Protein backbone atom coordinates (compact mmCIF):
# COMPACT_ATOMS: atom_id res chain seq x y z
CA MET A 1 7.74 15.08 -26.44
CA ALA A 2 11.11 13.43 -25.67
CA ALA A 3 9.80 10.07 -26.87
CA ASP A 4 8.70 11.52 -30.21
CA ALA A 5 12.02 13.30 -30.73
CA LEU A 6 14.02 10.17 -29.91
CA ARG A 7 11.88 8.05 -32.20
CA VAL A 8 12.64 10.37 -35.12
CA LEU A 9 16.36 10.13 -34.38
CA PHE A 10 16.24 6.35 -34.07
CA ARG A 11 14.60 5.92 -37.47
CA ALA A 12 17.46 7.76 -39.13
CA LEU A 13 20.11 5.23 -38.00
CA PRO A 14 20.66 1.50 -38.52
CA PHE A 15 19.57 -0.72 -35.63
CA ARG A 16 23.04 -2.12 -34.94
CA GLU A 17 24.57 1.34 -34.88
CA LEU A 18 21.96 2.40 -32.33
CA THR A 19 22.80 -0.45 -29.97
CA GLU A 20 26.55 -0.11 -30.39
CA GLY A 21 26.32 3.63 -29.81
CA PHE A 22 24.74 3.13 -26.38
CA SER A 23 27.91 2.25 -24.47
CA TYR A 24 26.55 2.53 -20.92
CA VAL A 25 25.39 -1.08 -20.47
CA ASP A 26 27.78 -3.60 -18.92
CA ALA A 27 28.31 -7.30 -19.66
CA ASN A 28 24.99 -8.10 -17.93
CA ARG A 29 23.18 -5.61 -20.19
CA LEU A 30 22.52 -3.33 -17.21
CA VAL A 31 23.52 0.31 -16.72
CA PRO A 32 25.73 0.58 -13.60
CA TYR A 33 24.06 2.61 -10.87
CA GLU A 34 26.81 5.26 -10.91
CA LYS A 35 26.00 5.89 -14.60
CA LEU A 36 22.24 5.72 -14.17
CA THR A 37 21.01 9.28 -14.63
CA ALA A 38 17.72 10.68 -15.88
CA GLU A 39 19.21 11.02 -19.36
CA THR A 40 20.66 7.51 -19.60
CA ALA A 41 17.52 5.91 -18.14
CA CYS A 42 15.27 7.77 -20.58
CA TYR A 43 17.46 6.92 -23.59
CA TRP A 44 17.83 3.28 -22.49
CA ARG A 45 14.11 2.78 -22.08
CA HIS A 46 13.04 4.48 -25.32
CA LEU A 47 15.75 2.82 -27.40
CA ALA A 48 14.74 -0.62 -26.12
CA ALA A 49 11.06 0.20 -26.65
CA PHE A 50 11.76 1.36 -30.21
CA LEU A 51 13.65 -1.80 -31.14
CA VAL A 52 11.09 -4.11 -29.51
CA GLY A 53 8.32 -2.25 -31.30
CA GLU A 54 10.02 -2.66 -34.65
CA GLY A 55 9.97 -6.44 -34.17
CA GLY A 56 11.95 -9.02 -36.09
CA GLY A 57 15.69 -8.59 -36.06
CA ALA A 58 15.45 -5.29 -34.20
CA ALA A 59 13.68 -6.95 -31.27
CA GLU A 60 16.27 -9.73 -31.18
CA LEU A 61 19.01 -7.12 -31.19
CA ALA A 62 17.38 -5.36 -28.23
CA GLU A 63 17.26 -8.65 -26.28
CA GLN A 64 20.89 -9.38 -27.08
CA LYS A 65 22.35 -5.93 -26.43
CA LEU A 66 20.00 -3.85 -24.25
CA LEU A 67 17.65 -6.04 -22.19
CA PRO A 68 19.00 -8.29 -19.43
CA GLU A 69 17.35 -11.42 -18.08
CA LEU A 70 14.03 -10.54 -16.47
CA SER A 71 15.03 -11.88 -13.04
CA ASP A 72 18.27 -9.87 -13.15
CA PHE A 73 16.36 -6.72 -14.07
CA CYS A 74 13.87 -7.31 -11.24
CA ARG A 75 16.75 -7.48 -8.73
CA TYR A 76 18.30 -4.39 -10.33
CA LEU A 77 15.05 -2.41 -10.09
CA ARG A 78 14.32 -3.62 -6.55
CA HIS A 79 17.73 -2.50 -5.37
CA TYR A 80 17.40 0.93 -6.95
CA VAL A 81 13.88 1.69 -5.68
CA LEU A 82 13.84 -0.04 -2.30
CA GLU A 83 17.44 -0.21 -1.11
CA ILE A 84 19.55 2.61 -2.52
CA GLU A 85 19.42 5.72 -0.36
CA ARG A 86 16.88 8.05 -1.86
CA PRO A 87 17.41 11.83 -1.91
CA ASP A 88 14.85 13.39 0.43
CA PRO A 89 14.73 17.20 0.25
CA ALA A 90 12.06 17.41 2.96
CA ALA A 91 14.23 15.53 5.45
CA ASN A 92 17.38 17.45 4.60
CA GLY A 93 15.84 20.89 4.50
CA ASN A 94 16.67 23.31 7.33
CA ALA A 95 17.02 27.01 7.89
CA ASP A 96 20.82 26.96 7.56
CA LYS A 97 20.88 25.57 4.04
CA SER A 98 21.16 27.94 1.13
CA SER A 99 18.50 28.12 -1.53
CA ALA A 100 20.98 26.68 -4.03
CA SER A 101 21.52 23.61 -1.83
CA GLU A 102 17.80 23.12 -1.34
CA SER A 103 17.26 23.42 -5.08
CA LYS A 104 19.94 20.78 -5.67
CA ASP A 105 18.30 18.39 -3.20
CA LYS A 106 14.94 18.89 -4.88
CA GLU A 107 16.46 18.27 -8.30
CA GLU A 108 18.10 15.04 -7.08
CA GLY A 109 14.80 13.84 -5.62
CA GLU A 110 12.97 14.53 -8.87
CA SER A 111 15.74 12.80 -10.82
CA TRP A 112 15.43 9.69 -8.62
CA THR A 113 11.67 9.62 -9.17
CA PHE A 114 12.07 10.00 -12.94
CA VAL A 115 14.66 7.22 -13.19
CA ALA A 116 12.59 4.88 -11.04
CA LYS A 117 9.56 5.46 -13.24
CA GLN A 118 11.59 4.81 -16.41
CA LEU A 119 12.84 1.51 -14.99
CA ILE A 120 9.34 0.47 -13.92
CA GLU A 121 7.97 1.18 -17.38
CA MET A 122 10.83 -0.83 -18.94
CA THR A 123 9.46 -4.01 -17.34
CA SER A 124 6.67 -4.01 -19.95
CA LEU A 125 9.25 -4.69 -22.68
CA PHE A 126 10.30 -8.12 -21.42
CA ASP A 127 9.17 -11.49 -22.69
CA LEU A 128 6.97 -13.05 -20.01
CA ALA A 129 7.48 -16.61 -21.22
CA ASP A 130 10.13 -17.05 -18.52
CA GLU A 131 8.10 -18.45 -15.59
CA VAL A 132 10.73 -17.65 -12.98
CA GLY A 133 11.13 -14.11 -14.25
CA ARG A 134 7.37 -13.75 -14.45
CA ALA A 135 6.99 -14.77 -10.80
CA ASN A 136 9.79 -12.41 -9.75
CA LEU A 137 8.15 -9.55 -11.65
CA ALA A 138 4.77 -10.20 -10.04
CA GLN A 139 6.34 -10.20 -6.57
CA LEU A 140 8.30 -7.05 -7.41
CA CYS A 141 5.11 -5.23 -8.45
CA LYS A 142 3.44 -6.20 -5.17
CA ASP A 143 6.46 -5.18 -3.09
CA LEU A 144 6.75 -1.84 -4.84
CA MET A 145 3.08 -1.03 -4.41
CA SER A 146 3.36 -1.95 -0.71
CA SER A 147 6.49 0.13 -0.15
CA PRO A 148 6.23 3.64 1.36
CA ARG A 149 9.02 4.71 -1.02
CA VAL A 150 6.60 4.37 -3.94
CA ALA A 151 4.55 7.52 -3.56
CA PRO A 152 1.03 8.05 -4.92
CA GLY A 153 -0.14 10.94 -7.05
CA ALA A 154 0.29 12.11 -10.60
CA ALA A 155 3.63 13.77 -9.79
CA ALA A 156 5.28 10.43 -9.02
CA GLY A 157 3.34 8.38 -11.56
CA PHE A 158 4.38 5.00 -10.15
CA ILE A 159 1.05 3.29 -9.59
CA GLU A 160 -0.28 3.36 -13.16
CA PRO A 161 2.70 1.57 -14.80
CA LEU A 162 2.95 -0.85 -11.89
CA MET A 163 -0.70 -1.87 -12.21
CA SER A 164 -0.36 -2.14 -15.99
CA VAL A 165 2.60 -4.52 -15.64
CA PHE A 166 0.88 -6.44 -12.84
CA ALA A 167 -2.17 -6.94 -15.06
CA SER A 168 0.01 -8.41 -17.80
CA VAL A 169 1.63 -10.78 -15.32
CA ARG A 170 -1.51 -11.75 -13.39
CA THR A 171 -3.96 -12.44 -16.20
CA ASP A 172 -6.48 -14.11 -13.87
CA THR A 173 -8.86 -11.26 -13.06
CA GLU A 174 -10.29 -12.72 -9.85
CA GLY A 175 -6.84 -13.60 -8.56
CA ARG A 176 -5.52 -10.13 -9.36
CA ILE A 177 -8.42 -8.48 -7.54
CA ARG A 178 -7.77 -10.67 -4.51
CA GLU A 179 -4.05 -9.87 -4.46
CA VAL A 180 -4.66 -6.12 -4.85
CA ALA A 181 -7.17 -6.27 -2.00
CA GLU A 182 -4.50 -7.92 0.15
CA ILE A 183 -2.02 -5.16 -0.75
CA ILE A 184 -4.55 -2.49 0.23
CA ALA A 185 -5.35 -4.30 3.49
CA GLU A 186 -1.66 -4.52 4.34
CA LEU A 187 -1.14 -0.82 3.57
CA ARG A 188 -4.06 0.24 5.75
CA ASP A 189 -3.34 -2.17 8.59
CA PRO A 190 0.30 -3.31 8.47
CA LEU A 191 1.25 -6.32 10.55
CA ARG A 192 3.79 -5.63 13.25
CA ALA A 193 6.76 -7.77 14.07
CA PRO A 194 6.17 -10.33 16.85
CA GLY A 195 8.35 -8.50 19.41
CA GLU A 196 7.49 -4.97 18.36
CA ASP A 197 4.99 -4.38 21.15
CA ALA A 198 7.14 -5.97 23.83
CA ASN A 199 7.57 -3.51 26.65
CA VAL A 200 10.40 -4.36 28.98
CA THR A 201 11.35 -1.66 31.47
CA THR A 202 13.67 -1.87 34.43
CA ALA A 203 14.67 0.65 37.05
CA THR A 204 16.96 0.84 40.05
CA ALA A 205 15.94 1.91 43.52
CA ALA A 206 16.49 5.56 44.33
CA GLY A 207 18.51 6.76 47.32
CA GLY A 208 21.40 5.32 49.28
CA GLY A 209 21.81 1.97 50.91
CA GLY A 210 22.55 -0.02 47.73
CA GLY A 211 19.24 -1.90 47.80
CA SER A 212 19.07 -3.23 51.36
CA PRO A 213 15.81 -5.13 51.67
CA GLY A 214 15.21 -3.66 55.09
CA ALA A 215 15.57 -0.03 54.11
CA ALA A 216 12.54 1.86 55.29
CA GLY A 217 10.27 3.23 52.56
CA GLN A 218 12.42 1.74 49.83
CA LYS A 219 10.58 0.37 46.77
CA THR A 220 11.84 -1.99 44.10
CA PRO A 221 10.11 -0.96 40.84
CA ALA A 222 8.21 -3.52 38.82
CA VAL A 223 9.61 -5.07 35.70
CA GLU A 224 7.04 -5.00 32.89
CA THR A 225 7.53 -7.64 30.28
CA THR A 226 5.49 -9.57 27.75
CA PRO A 227 7.11 -12.70 26.26
CA ALA A 228 7.48 -12.70 22.51
CA ALA A 229 5.55 -15.97 22.26
CA VAL A 230 2.55 -14.43 24.03
CA ILE A 231 2.65 -11.39 21.75
CA LYS A 232 2.86 -13.60 18.68
CA ALA A 233 -0.12 -15.66 19.86
CA ARG A 234 -2.14 -12.49 20.46
CA GLU A 235 -1.30 -11.13 17.02
CA GLU A 236 -2.26 -14.42 15.39
CA GLU A 237 -5.57 -14.40 17.26
CA ASN A 238 -6.22 -10.78 16.24
CA ARG A 239 -5.38 -11.61 12.65
CA ARG A 240 -7.79 -14.56 12.75
CA LYS A 241 -10.56 -12.29 14.02
CA GLN A 242 -9.78 -9.73 11.31
CA ILE A 243 -10.10 -12.45 8.68
CA GLU A 244 -13.44 -13.54 10.17
CA ILE A 245 -14.64 -9.93 10.12
CA ALA A 246 -13.62 -9.60 6.47
CA LYS A 247 -15.50 -12.80 5.60
CA VAL A 248 -18.61 -11.50 7.34
CA ARG A 249 -18.39 -8.22 5.43
CA VAL A 250 -18.04 -10.05 2.14
CA ARG A 251 -21.03 -12.24 2.97
CA LEU A 252 -23.06 -9.16 3.90
CA ASN A 253 -22.31 -7.56 0.54
CA ILE A 254 -23.35 -10.71 -1.29
CA LEU A 255 -26.60 -10.87 0.66
CA LYS A 256 -27.20 -7.19 -0.02
CA ASN A 257 -27.01 -7.84 -3.76
CA ASP A 258 -29.28 -10.87 -3.42
CA LEU A 259 -31.73 -8.77 -1.43
CA ASP A 260 -31.84 -6.10 -4.14
CA GLU A 261 -32.49 -8.74 -6.79
CA ALA A 262 -35.21 -10.35 -4.68
CA VAL A 263 -36.98 -7.00 -4.22
CA GLN A 264 -36.72 -6.24 -7.94
CA ASN A 265 -38.21 -9.65 -8.74
CA LYS A 266 -40.92 -9.10 -6.09
CA ASP A 267 -39.86 -12.26 -4.28
CA PHE A 268 -40.68 -10.86 -0.86
CA VAL A 269 -40.48 -14.19 0.95
CA ARG A 270 -36.90 -14.61 -0.20
CA ALA A 271 -36.20 -10.96 0.65
CA GLN A 272 -37.44 -11.52 4.22
CA GLU A 273 -35.19 -14.57 4.62
CA LEU A 274 -32.21 -12.62 3.36
CA LYS A 275 -33.02 -9.76 5.69
CA MET A 276 -33.05 -12.08 8.70
CA GLU A 277 -29.75 -13.63 7.67
CA MET A 278 -28.22 -10.17 7.30
CA GLU A 279 -29.35 -9.26 10.80
CA GLU A 280 -27.65 -12.37 12.18
CA LEU A 281 -24.46 -11.50 10.35
CA ASP A 282 -24.65 -7.95 11.71
CA ASP A 283 -24.74 -9.39 15.22
CA ASP A 284 -21.74 -11.59 14.44
CA TYR A 285 -19.89 -8.61 13.00
CA ASN A 286 -20.51 -6.47 16.10
CA ARG A 287 -19.45 -9.34 18.38
CA LEU A 288 -16.20 -9.88 16.49
CA GLN A 289 -15.46 -6.16 16.54
CA GLU A 290 -15.93 -6.07 20.32
CA GLU A 291 -13.67 -9.09 20.77
CA LEU A 292 -11.02 -7.49 18.59
CA THR A 293 -11.20 -4.27 20.60
CA GLU A 294 -10.88 -6.17 23.88
CA ALA A 295 -7.93 -8.15 22.51
CA ALA A 296 -6.19 -4.92 21.48
CA ALA A 297 -6.73 -3.51 24.96
CA MET A 298 -5.30 -6.66 26.57
CA ALA A 299 -2.28 -6.58 24.25
CA ALA A 300 -1.54 -3.06 25.45
CA LYS A 301 -1.10 -4.25 29.04
CA PRO A 302 2.27 -6.01 29.56
CA SER A 303 2.52 -8.68 32.19
CA ARG A 304 3.85 -7.27 35.45
CA ILE A 305 6.51 -8.99 37.54
CA SER A 306 6.73 -7.21 40.85
CA ASN A 307 8.87 -7.47 43.92
CA ALA A 308 7.00 -8.32 47.07
CA SER A 309 8.17 -5.08 48.63
CA GLU A 310 6.69 -2.98 45.78
CA VAL A 311 4.40 -0.26 46.97
CA PRO A 312 1.41 0.00 44.60
CA ASN A 313 0.43 3.24 42.99
CA SER A 314 -2.69 5.01 44.01
CA ASP A 315 -5.94 3.88 42.42
CA LYS A 316 -6.11 7.08 40.38
CA GLU A 317 -2.61 6.60 38.97
CA ALA A 318 -3.29 2.96 38.14
CA ALA A 319 -6.51 3.88 36.35
CA ALA A 320 -4.68 6.54 34.36
CA GLU A 321 -2.00 4.05 33.33
CA ASP A 322 -4.60 1.49 32.28
CA LYS A 323 -6.47 4.08 30.23
CA GLU A 324 -3.28 5.20 28.50
CA ALA A 325 -2.33 1.60 27.73
CA GLU A 326 -5.75 0.89 26.23
CA GLU A 327 -5.96 4.05 24.16
CA GLY A 328 -2.38 3.99 22.85
CA PRO A 329 -2.63 1.18 20.28
CA GLN A 330 -6.10 2.27 19.17
CA GLN A 331 -4.87 5.81 18.49
CA THR A 332 -1.83 4.48 16.65
CA GLN A 333 -3.94 2.16 14.52
CA SER A 334 -6.43 4.95 13.74
CA ALA A 335 -3.60 7.29 12.77
CA ALA A 336 -2.09 4.66 10.50
CA ASN A 337 -5.40 3.93 8.81
CA ASP A 338 -6.14 7.64 8.33
CA ASP A 339 -2.72 8.63 7.00
CA PRO A 340 -3.57 10.74 3.92
CA VAL A 341 -0.64 9.35 1.92
CA VAL A 342 -1.73 5.76 2.62
CA VAL A 343 -5.39 6.48 1.86
CA LEU A 344 -4.52 8.24 -1.42
CA LYS A 345 -2.22 5.40 -2.42
CA CYS A 346 -4.88 2.76 -1.71
CA LEU A 347 -7.45 4.70 -3.70
CA GLU A 348 -5.08 5.12 -6.65
CA ILE A 349 -4.21 1.41 -6.63
CA LEU A 350 -7.91 0.55 -6.63
CA TYR A 351 -8.67 3.09 -9.36
CA GLN A 352 -5.90 1.75 -11.61
CA LEU A 353 -7.10 -1.81 -10.96
CA MET A 354 -10.55 -0.85 -12.22
CA GLN A 355 -9.10 0.51 -15.46
CA ASP A 356 -8.87 -3.08 -16.69
CA THR A 357 -11.75 -3.67 -19.10
CA ALA A 358 -11.67 -7.38 -18.27
CA ILE A 359 -13.43 -6.52 -14.98
CA LYS A 360 -17.06 -6.57 -16.06
CA THR A 361 -18.89 -6.82 -12.73
CA LEU A 362 -18.31 -6.05 -9.06
CA ASN A 363 -17.60 -9.09 -6.93
CA ALA A 364 -17.85 -9.20 -3.15
CA THR A 365 -14.23 -8.07 -2.67
CA LEU A 366 -14.71 -4.96 -4.81
CA LEU A 367 -17.98 -4.12 -3.10
CA THR A 368 -16.27 -4.35 0.28
CA LEU A 369 -13.51 -1.99 -0.89
CA LEU A 370 -16.15 0.39 -2.21
CA ASP A 371 -17.99 0.49 1.12
CA GLU A 372 -14.98 0.60 3.42
CA LEU A 373 -12.40 2.59 1.48
CA VAL A 374 -13.97 4.62 -1.31
CA MET A 375 -17.20 5.93 0.20
CA PRO A 376 -15.66 7.18 3.50
CA SER A 377 -12.91 8.92 1.52
CA VAL A 378 -15.46 11.13 -0.28
CA ARG A 379 -15.76 13.12 2.97
CA HIS A 380 -12.01 13.34 3.58
CA LEU A 381 -10.47 16.73 4.35
CA GLU A 382 -7.78 16.34 1.68
CA SER A 383 -9.01 17.45 -1.75
CA ASP A 384 -6.74 14.98 -3.60
CA ILE A 385 -8.27 12.10 -1.67
CA ARG A 386 -11.81 13.32 -2.30
CA MET A 387 -11.17 13.65 -6.03
CA MET A 388 -9.57 10.20 -6.27
CA ALA A 389 -12.51 8.72 -4.36
CA VAL A 390 -14.94 10.33 -6.81
CA LYS A 391 -12.95 8.94 -9.74
CA ALA A 392 -13.08 5.51 -8.13
CA ILE A 393 -16.86 5.79 -7.73
CA GLY A 394 -17.03 6.62 -11.43
CA VAL A 395 -15.21 3.46 -12.53
CA PHE A 396 -17.24 1.38 -10.08
CA SER A 397 -20.45 2.85 -11.50
CA LEU A 398 -19.46 1.69 -14.98
CA ARG A 399 -19.64 -1.89 -13.71
CA SER A 400 -22.84 -1.71 -11.68
CA ILE A 401 -26.12 0.02 -12.42
CA SER A 402 -27.12 -0.07 -8.75
CA VAL A 403 -23.88 1.68 -7.71
CA ALA A 404 -24.42 4.26 -10.47
CA LYS A 405 -27.98 4.94 -9.30
CA GLN A 406 -26.88 5.33 -5.69
CA ASN A 407 -24.08 7.78 -6.52
CA LEU A 408 -25.37 9.63 -9.57
CA LEU A 409 -26.48 12.66 -7.56
CA LEU A 410 -23.11 12.77 -5.79
CA LEU A 411 -21.25 12.76 -9.11
CA PHE A 412 -23.41 15.61 -10.43
CA GLN A 413 -22.82 17.62 -7.25
CA VAL A 414 -19.06 17.14 -7.48
CA ARG A 415 -19.10 18.21 -11.12
CA LYS A 416 -21.11 21.32 -10.26
CA ILE A 417 -18.76 22.27 -7.41
CA TYR A 418 -15.66 21.60 -9.52
CA TYR A 419 -16.74 23.74 -12.45
CA SER A 420 -18.17 26.51 -10.27
CA THR A 421 -14.74 27.01 -8.65
CA GLU A 422 -12.88 27.31 -11.94
């Protein structure tokens, strides 16, 4: 509605008068952050879009007066979205605040979201002939999609314009699928810093005597420490195993497709060979998963440097400590992978990726994402996640008859449930 109204107003004035009348931009053709409001961002974006759409002299005028260099705008947008303190009504809300103050915080948060979306959508107006700016824009899109500050869902509306811009920058379909898969993998299983898991604890002896070695019953507590180099080596080994597991999964999906084709062509000898190879890969997959689990358990146990006079804990206490150390990282990893916000964001990124009509078939990477992300999300407790998973199945089905056949009944059931509740 606002876009249509502004377009009517723009047509009634000369192009130069429009640009000269917008006095908020500085010498770098950027609106200073202190002047960047929902109104100025909306007007800036739609005025630039109108002039670029008119072409010819109007487009040149927009580049000269309203649009900065692409690299400068990428830094400007990155700073606003990722670095400037964002209003967070949920964090600031408490029982002592008045309803007026809470309403103001909510309004500021919505204004930040609106401005950020306007700036993201402005990136589609730039000329992508600049290779440096093009590379900066591609990296910016990836960083924004990976950032927790870029929320999923229709209310925020970040993912759709980001994926649209990313598609225009990364025209290679296979490369774009691979990079999006890496973004999703990083969101679901973020890498930790090399020293993040280091656990160094020290304590002083209790009681009097100032630490005399001959004090009866006195114990010098152990110092638990894991060198950063050891932690880094463990993380690299775990990452290597994760990559091997991903390769095995991709290979299994390829063989599954080959097996379906062999059965359809009644080439049962080939089907039997493929079946045997899949069984071998299943064994490799299970072995790698066990090794990864054992490595995670070992990483949870810091090396122990003890004083000779240390009195060991009881066997029961030691077993409890070992169990807690083993279960801790696994529970943390599971919680991170099952975070509803992360799952919804990954599904929305994948769904927007599949909106590109240049993707005609499902490659091994997409099939892996379908099996490991989309299908498990259909049974999620959150309704938004379930609905996004169903939408993802729909766009996957448009590219594969076999996927459509496997999920047709599910889609009909979802439709029946959805319309029966209205």
